[in-house]
C-alpha atoms as a PDB file:
ATOM      1  CA  UNK A   1       0.028   0.089   0.235  1.00  0.00           C
ATOM      2  CA  UNK A   2       2.859   2.444   0.967  1.00  0.00           C
ATOM      3  CA  UNK A   3       4.390   1.660  -2.303  1.00  0.00           C
ATOM      4  CA  UNK A   4       1.396   2.212  -4.843  1.00  0.00           C
ATOM      5  CA  UNK A   5       0.833   5.759  -2.431  1.00  0.00           C
ATOM      6  CA  UNK A   6       4.445   6.822  -3.423  1.00  0.00           C
ATOM      7  CA  UNK A   7       3.659   6.255  -7.060  1.00  0.00           C
ATOM      8  CA  UNK A   8       0.347   7.884  -7.159  1.00  0.00           C
ATOM      9  CA  UNK A   9       1.740  10.980  -5.233  1.00  0.00           C
ATOM     10  CA  UNK A  10       4.695  10.917  -7.986  1.00  0.00           C
ATOM     11  CA  UNK A  11       2.312  10.916 -10.573  1.00  0.00           C
ATOM     12  CA  UNK A  12      -0.107  13.419  -9.294  1.00  0.00           C
ATOM     13  CA  UNK A  13       3.020  15.900  -8.729  1.00  0.00           C
ATOM     14  CA  UNK A  14       3.705  15.018 -12.770  1.00  0.00           C
ATOM     15  CA  UNK A  15       0.370  15.659 -14.088  1.00  0.00           C
ATOM     16  CA  UNK A  16       0.016  18.675 -11.890  1.00  0.00           C
ATOM     17  CA  UNK A  17       2.764  20.689 -13.387  1.00  0.00           C
ATOM     18  CA  UNK A  18       1.721  19.686 -16.877  1.00  0.00           C
ATOM     19  CA  UNK A  19      -1.438  22.065 -17.199  1.00  0.00           C
ATOM     20  CA  UNK A  20       0.747  25.168 -16.197  1.00  0.00           C
ATOM     21  CA  UNK A  21       4.110  24.790 -18.122  1.00  0.00           C
ATOM     22  CA  UNK A  22       4.172  21.993 -20.221  1.00  0.00           C
ATOM     23  CA  UNK A  23       5.533  21.747 -23.772  1.00  0.00           C
ATOM     24  CA  UNK A  24       5.302  17.881 -23.972  1.00  0.00           C
ATOM     25  CA  UNK A  25       5.020  14.806 -21.930  1.00  0.00           C
ATOM     26  CA  UNK A  26       6.976  11.898 -22.390  1.00  0.00           C
ATOM     27  CA  UNK A  27       6.280   8.288 -20.930  1.00  0.00           C
ATOM     28  CA  UNK A  28       9.070   5.839 -20.790  1.00  0.00           C
ATOM     29  CA  UNK A  29       9.076   2.013 -19.785  1.00  0.00           C
ATOM     30  CA  UNK A  30      12.476   0.241 -19.619  1.00  0.00           C
ATOM     31  CA  UNK A  31      14.190  -2.979 -18.281  1.00  0.00           C
ATOM     32  CA  UNK A  32      17.521  -3.495 -17.506  1.00  0.00           C
ATOM     33  CA  UNK A  33      20.338  -4.766 -15.251  1.00  0.00           C
ATOM     34  CA  UNK A  34      21.057  -3.647 -11.740  1.00  0.00           C
ATOM     35  CA  UNK A  35      24.780  -4.580 -10.724  1.00  0.00           C
ATOM     36  CA  UNK A  36      24.366  -3.873  -6.885  1.00  0.00           C
ATOM     37  CA  UNK A  37      26.397  -3.651  -4.020  1.00  0.00           C
ATOM     38  CA  UNK A  38      25.691  -3.207  -0.034  1.00  0.00           C
ATOM     39  CA  UNK A  39      27.594  -2.256   3.176  1.00  0.00           C
ATOM     40  CA  UNK A  40      30.293  -3.579   5.176  1.00  0.00           C
ATOM     41  CA  UNK A  41      29.884  -4.759   9.044  1.00  0.00           C
ATOM     42  CA  UNK A  42      32.112  -6.106  11.392  1.00  0.00           C
ATOM     43  CA  UNK A  43      33.496  -9.935  10.547  1.00  0.00           C
ATOM     44  CA  UNK A  44      31.116 -12.219  12.234  1.00  0.00           C
ATOM     45  CA  UNK A  45      31.768 -16.098  12.575  1.00  0.00           C
ATOM     46  CA  UNK A  46      28.427 -17.676  11.804  1.00  0.00           C
ATOM     47  CA  UNK A  47      27.129 -21.424  12.598  1.00  0.00           C
ATOM     48  CA  UNK A  48      28.173 -22.660   9.280  1.00  0.00           C
ATOM     49  CA  UNK A  49      32.111 -21.950  10.038  1.00  0.00           C
ATOM     50  CA  UNK A  50      32.427 -19.038   7.535  1.00  0.00           C
ATOM     51  CA  UNK A  51      32.931 -15.585   8.318  1.00  0.00           C
ATOM     52  CA  UNK A  52      30.869 -12.893   6.907  1.00  0.00           C
ATOM     53  CA  UNK A  53      31.769  -9.279   6.607  1.00  0.00           C
ATOM     54  CA  UNK A  54      29.269  -7.661   3.746  1.00  0.00           C
ATOM     55  CA  UNK A  55      25.985  -7.720   3.335  1.00  0.00           C
ATOM     56  CA  UNK A  56      24.287  -6.972  -0.131  1.00  0.00           C
ATOM     57  CA  UNK A  57      21.517  -7.596  -2.942  1.00  0.00           C
ATOM     58  CA  UNK A  58      22.245  -9.713  -5.514  1.00  0.00           C
ATOM     59  CA  UNK A  59      22.965  -8.822  -9.170  1.00  0.00           C
ATOM     60  CA  UNK A  60      19.407  -9.112 -10.954  1.00  0.00           C
ATOM     61  CA  UNK A  61      17.325  -7.665 -13.346  1.00  0.00           C
ATOM     62  CA  UNK A  62      15.286  -4.109 -12.878  1.00  0.00           C
ATOM     63  CA  UNK A  63      12.647  -2.700 -14.826  1.00  0.00           C
ATOM     64  CA  UNK A  64      10.403   0.929 -13.947  1.00  0.00           C
ATOM     65  CA  UNK A  65       9.116   3.569 -16.032  1.00  0.00           C
ATOM     66  CA  UNK A  66       9.534   7.148 -15.969  1.00  0.00           C
ATOM     67  CA  UNK A  67       6.896  10.022 -16.659  1.00  0.00           C
ATOM     68  CA  UNK A  68       8.371  13.413 -17.820  1.00  0.00           C
ATOM     69  CA  UNK A  69       7.150  16.875 -18.640  1.00  0.00           C
ATOM     70  CA  UNK A  70       9.212  18.997 -21.081  1.00  0.00           C
ATOM     71  CA  UNK A  71       9.034  22.511 -19.606  1.00  0.00           C
ATOM     72  CA  UNK A  72      11.455  24.253 -22.350  1.00  0.00           C
ATOM     73  CA  UNK A  73      13.353  23.732 -25.187  1.00  0.00           C
ATOM     74  CA  UNK A  74      15.624  21.421 -22.967  1.00  0.00           C
ATOM     75  CA  UNK A  75      14.329  21.195 -19.702  1.00  0.00           C
ATOM     76  CA  UNK A  76      12.299  18.198 -18.412  1.00  0.00           C
ATOM     77  CA  UNK A  77      11.021  17.686 -14.812  1.00  0.00           C
ATOM     78  CA  UNK A  78       9.117  14.169 -13.725  1.00  0.00           C
ATOM     79  CA  UNK A  79       8.823  10.793 -11.993  1.00  0.00           C
ATOM     80  CA  UNK A  80      10.771   7.801 -11.912  1.00  0.00           C
ATOM     81  CA  UNK A  81       9.811   4.541 -10.445  1.00  0.00           C
ATOM     82  CA  UNK A  82      12.069   1.354 -10.666  1.00  0.00           C
ATOM     83  CA  UNK A  83      11.679  -2.074  -8.529  1.00  0.00           C
ATOM     84  CA  UNK A  84      14.520  -4.847  -8.670  1.00  0.00           C
ATOM     85  CA  UNK A  85      13.161  -8.400  -7.490  1.00  0.00           C
ATOM     86  CA  UNK A  86      16.697  -9.852  -6.043  1.00  0.00           C
ATOM     87  CA  UNK A  87      18.094 -11.955  -3.151  1.00  0.00           C
ATOM     88  CA  UNK A  88      19.448 -10.584  -0.051  1.00  0.00           C
ATOM     89  CA  UNK A  89      22.963 -12.403   0.331  1.00  0.00           C
ATOM     90  CA  UNK A  90      25.841 -12.242   2.905  1.00  0.00           C
ATOM     91  CA  UNK A  91      29.530 -12.548   1.552  1.00  0.00           C
ATOM     92  CA  UNK A  92      32.838 -13.138   3.466  1.00  0.00           C
ATOM     93  CA  UNK A  93      34.666 -16.713   2.928  1.00  0.00           C
ATOM     94  CA  UNK A  94      31.854 -17.833   0.982  1.00  0.00           C
ATOM     95  CA  UNK A  95      28.462 -16.448   0.069  1.00  0.00           C
ATOM     96  CA  UNK A  96      25.379 -17.266   1.238  1.00  0.00           C
ATOM     97  CA  UNK A  97      21.519 -16.268   0.196  1.00  0.00           C
ATOM     98  CA  UNK A  98      19.591 -15.238   2.854  1.00  0.00           C
ATOM     99  CA  UNK A  99      16.190 -14.802   1.154  1.00  0.00           C
ATOM    100  CA  UNK A 100      14.389 -12.977  -1.471  1.00  0.00           C
ATOM    101  CA  UNK A 101      14.199  -9.416  -1.497  1.00  0.00           C
ATOM    102  CA  UNK A 102      12.281  -6.461  -3.426  1.00  0.00           C
ATOM    103  CA  UNK A 103      13.714  -3.067  -3.905  1.00  0.00           C
ATOM    104  CA  UNK A 104      11.737  -0.127  -5.041  1.00  0.00           C
ATOM    105  CA  UNK A 105      12.976   3.097  -5.606  1.00  0.00           C
ATOM    106  CA  UNK A 106      11.108   6.352  -6.105  1.00  0.00           C
ATOM    107  CA  UNK A 107      12.598   9.634  -7.353  1.00  0.00           C
ATOM    108  CA  UNK A 108      11.456  13.086  -8.278  1.00  0.00           C
ATOM    109  CA  UNK A 109      13.905  14.169 -11.229  1.00  0.00           C
ATOM    110  CA  UNK A 110      15.040  17.079 -13.571  1.00  0.00           C
ATOM    111  CA  UNK A 111      16.606  16.156 -16.941  1.00  0.00           C
ATOM    112  CA  UNK A 112      18.136  18.075 -19.176  1.00  0.00           C
ATOM    113  CA  UNK A 113      17.953  16.951 -23.150  1.00  0.00           C
ATOM    114  CA  UNK A 114      20.413  18.204 -25.712  1.00  0.00           C
ATOM    115  CA  UNK A 115      19.813  19.458 -29.012  1.00  0.00           C
ATOM    116  CA  UNK A 116      16.562  20.803 -31.053  1.00  0.00           C
ATOM    117  CA  UNK A 117      13.302  19.411 -29.669  1.00  0.00           C
ATOM    118  CA  UNK A 118      12.154  17.520 -33.007  1.00  0.00           C
ATOM    119  CA  UNK A 119      16.021  16.000 -33.319  1.00  0.00           C
ATOM    120  CA  UNK A 120      15.825  12.333 -34.202  1.00  0.00           C
ATOM    121  CA  UNK A 121      18.269  11.707 -31.299  1.00  0.00           C
ATOM    122  CA  UNK A 122      18.791  13.768 -28.246  1.00  0.00           C
ATOM    123  CA  UNK A 123      21.570  12.968 -25.657  1.00  0.00           C
ATOM    124  CA  UNK A 124      20.211  13.544 -21.902  1.00  0.00           C
ATOM    125  CA  UNK A 125      21.391  13.918 -18.126  1.00  0.00           C
ATOM    126  CA  UNK A 126      19.243  13.116 -15.127  1.00  0.00           C
ATOM    127  CA  UNK A 127      19.213  13.994 -11.375  1.00  0.00           C
ATOM    128  CA  UNK A 128      16.771  12.908  -8.812  1.00  0.00           C
ATOM    129  CA  UNK A 129      15.773  13.010  -5.506  1.00  0.00           C
ATOM    130  CA  UNK A 130      13.609  10.228  -3.530  1.00  0.00           C
ATOM    131  CA  UNK A 131      13.814   7.377  -1.614  1.00  0.00           C
ATOM    132  CA  UNK A 132      14.896   3.311  -1.802  1.00  0.00           C
ATOM    133  CA  UNK A 133      12.571   0.838  -0.303  1.00  0.00           C
ATOM    134  CA  UNK A 134      14.229  -2.217   0.924  1.00  0.00           C
ATOM    135  CA  UNK A 135      11.117  -5.084   1.735  1.00  0.00           C
ATOM    136  CA  UNK A 136      10.155  -7.578   3.622  1.00  0.00           C
ATOM    137  CA  UNK A 137      12.292 -10.704   4.016  1.00  0.00           C
ATOM    138  CA  UNK A 138      11.327 -14.189   4.922  1.00  0.00           C
ATOM    139  CA  UNK A 139      14.517 -16.267   5.718  1.00  0.00           C
ATOM    140  CA  UNK A 140      15.387 -19.899   7.434  1.00  0.00           C
ATOM    141  CA  UNK A 141      18.497 -19.901   9.457  1.00  0.00           C
ATOM    142  CA  UNK A 142      19.010 -23.252  11.246  1.00  0.00           C
ATOM    143  CA  UNK A 143      16.207 -24.671   9.943  1.00  0.00           C
ATOM    144  CA  UNK A 144      14.113 -21.880  11.996  1.00  0.00           C
ATOM    145  CA  UNK A 145      11.555 -19.253  10.119  1.00  0.00           C
ATOM    146  CA  UNK A 146      12.709 -15.602  10.601  1.00  0.00           C
ATOM    147  CA  UNK A 147      11.364 -12.797   9.205  1.00  0.00           C
ATOM    148  CA  UNK A 148      13.311  -9.615   8.665  1.00  0.00           C
ATOM    149  CA  UNK A 149      11.595  -6.153   8.514  1.00  0.00           C
ATOM    150  CA  UNK A 150      12.193  -3.981   5.750  1.00  0.00           C
ATOM    151  CA  UNK A 151      13.339  -0.377   5.451  1.00  0.00           C
ATOM    152  CA  UNK A 152      12.985   3.125   3.240  1.00  0.00           C
ATOM    153  CA  UNK A 153      16.164   5.345   3.117  1.00  0.00           C
ATOM    154  CA  UNK A 154      16.956   8.737   1.421  1.00  0.00           C
ATOM    155  CA  UNK A 155      18.684   7.877  -1.993  1.00  0.00           C
ATOM    156  CA  UNK A 156      19.376   9.881  -5.042  1.00  0.00           C
ATOM    157  CA  UNK A 157      19.714   8.846  -8.550  1.00  0.00           C
ATOM    158  CA  UNK A 158      22.176  10.091 -11.745  1.00  0.00           C
ATOM    159  CA  UNK A 159      21.477   9.174 -15.495  1.00  0.00           C
ATOM    160  CA  UNK A 160      22.771   9.835 -18.684  1.00  0.00           C
ATOM    161  CA  UNK A 161      21.970   8.537 -21.890  1.00  0.00           C
ATOM    162  CA  UNK A 162      20.399   9.233 -25.357  1.00  0.00           C
ATOM    163  CA  UNK A 163      16.849   9.259 -26.551  1.00  0.00           C
ATOM    164  CA  UNK A 164      16.549   8.408 -30.395  1.00  0.00           C
ATOM    165  CA  UNK A 165      13.033   8.846 -32.192  1.00  0.00           C
ATOM    166  CA  UNK A 166      12.886   7.111 -35.608  1.00  0.00           C
ATOM    167  CA  UNK A 167       9.197   8.657 -35.709  1.00  0.00           C
ATOM    168  CA  UNK A 168       8.024  12.056 -34.126  1.00  0.00           C
ATOM    169  CA  UNK A 169       6.210  10.553 -30.967  1.00  0.00           C
ATOM    170  CA  UNK A 170       7.712   7.005 -30.408  1.00  0.00           C
ATOM    171  CA  UNK A 171      11.299   6.503 -29.848  1.00  0.00           C
ATOM    172  CA  UNK A 172      13.864   4.510 -27.864  1.00  0.00           C
ATOM    173  CA  UNK A 173      15.547   5.342 -24.551  1.00  0.00           C
ATOM    174  CA  UNK A 174      19.024   3.963 -23.630  1.00  0.00           C
ATOM    175  CA  UNK A 175      20.472   4.753 -20.312  1.00  0.00           C
ATOM    176  CA  UNK A 176      23.351   4.275 -17.694  1.00  0.00           C
ATOM    177  CA  UNK A 177      22.180   5.248 -14.071  1.00  0.00           C
ATOM    178  CA  UNK A 178      23.448   5.299 -10.905  1.00  0.00           C
ATOM    179  CA  UNK A 179      21.714   5.137  -7.351  1.00  0.00           C
ATOM    180  CA  UNK A 180      23.103   5.597  -4.325  1.00  0.00           C
ATOM    181  CA  UNK A 181      21.000   4.881  -1.031  1.00  0.00           C
ATOM    182  CA  UNK A 182      22.272   5.954   2.233  1.00  0.00           C
ATOM    183  CA  UNK A 183      22.430   2.812   4.565  1.00  0.00           C
ATOM    184  CA  UNK A 184      24.383   3.915   7.754  1.00  0.00           C
ATOM    185  CA  UNK A 185      27.119   5.560   9.528  1.00  0.00           C
ATOM    186  CA  UNK A 186      30.195   4.211  11.346  1.00  0.00           C
ATOM    187  CA  UNK A 187      31.982   6.156  13.587  1.00  0.00           C
ATOM    188  CA  UNK A 188      35.775   6.442  12.977  1.00  0.00           C
ATOM    189  CA  UNK A 189      37.301   8.026  15.610  1.00  0.00           C
ATOM    190  CA  UNK A 190      37.291  11.929  16.635  1.00  0.00           C
ATOM    191  CA  UNK A 191      38.689  15.091  15.304  1.00  0.00           C
ATOM    192  CA  UNK A 192      39.804  17.751  17.270  1.00  0.00           C
ATOM    193  CA  UNK A 193      39.723  21.706  16.298  1.00  0.00           C
ATOM    194  CA  UNK A 194      41.240  24.654  18.464  1.00  0.00           C
ATOM    195  CA  UNK A 195      38.307  26.253  17.653  1.00  0.00           C
ATOM    196  CA  UNK A 196      35.281  24.493  17.161  1.00  0.00           C
ATOM    197  CA  UNK A 197      36.344  21.386  19.828  1.00  0.00           C
ATOM    198  CA  UNK A 198      36.201  17.883  19.158  1.00  0.00           C
ATOM    199  CA  UNK A 199      33.326  15.807  17.701  1.00  0.00           C
ATOM    200  CA  UNK A 200      32.830  12.428  16.087  1.00  0.00           C
ATOM    201  CA  UNK A 201      33.854  11.570  12.704  1.00  0.00           C
ATOM    202  CA  UNK A 202      31.379   9.091  11.154  1.00  0.00           C
ATOM    203  CA  UNK A 203      31.959   7.221   7.555  1.00  0.00           C
ATOM    204  CA  UNK A 204      28.867   7.190   5.811  1.00  0.00           C
ATOM    205  CA  UNK A 205      27.822   3.708   3.954  1.00  0.00           C
ATOM    206  CA  UNK A 206      25.859   3.501   0.850  1.00  0.00           C
ATOM    207  CA  UNK A 207      24.353   0.561  -1.490  1.00  0.00           C
ATOM    208  CA  UNK A 208      24.878   1.352  -4.507  1.00  0.00           C
ATOM    209  CA  UNK A 209      22.863   0.144  -7.899  1.00  0.00           C
ATOM    210  CA  UNK A 210      24.859   0.674 -11.345  1.00  0.00           C
ATOM    211  CA  UNK A 211      21.867   0.171 -14.199  1.00  0.00           C
ATOM    212  CA  UNK A 212      22.061  -0.519 -17.376  1.00  0.00           C
ATOM    213  CA  UNK A 213      18.713   0.037 -18.964  1.00  0.00           C
ATOM    214  CA  UNK A 214      17.015   0.324 -22.153  1.00  0.00           C
ATOM    215  CA  UNK A 215      13.131   1.142 -23.305  1.00  0.00           C
ATOM    216  CA  UNK A 216      10.379   2.459 -25.406  1.00  0.00           C
ATOM    217  CA  UNK A 217       9.313   6.186 -25.144  1.00  0.00           C
ATOM    218  CA  UNK A 218       6.193   7.767 -26.249  1.00  0.00           C
ATOM    219  CA  UNK A 219       5.623  11.686 -26.777  1.00  0.00           C
ATOM    220  CA  UNK A 220       2.593  13.346 -26.420  1.00  0.00           C
END
């Protein structure tokens, strides 16, 4: 229900902007592959005799859509949703799958499209702000079923690619994207200054998704 609510709110925001400023609307569906990494932890000796020090999503398929409103010759504002069905795994001296994991990301974005509006090929860059949601996980550990609660964290998304329009209203969108999601901050020590005093220094850790995707774009 939360996921549907965020998607609906994003679409409402975009469609609310459209009547006042729109010079066109582009709707894109895409599918691709995500190279994913997770975060480190202190080494843990598990009951299977292996040591694990990293937990991360497994590389897998990703798909989603964007709805963008063209508000100038090159400017575009919109909403992007993507989902990645994968598995959560622990790695160290070996790899071990923990359970199925669904990752959903929601970003409002600003993009800039280079070239003329009616050009058959338009390179673009994109930056978005939003959140990434890691779903619940059902896992079996030592023969006992356990449930791991999901979590939603702040994330950004960055992309670059090209839109190719063999016809005025239907085209192809190819992109490379990077979505870093904040997970936690580890304390690394104290830093002291004669004027500001001493404070604890932290090392922020992010779960990164490097994506290669492509799909169809329809222009209205």
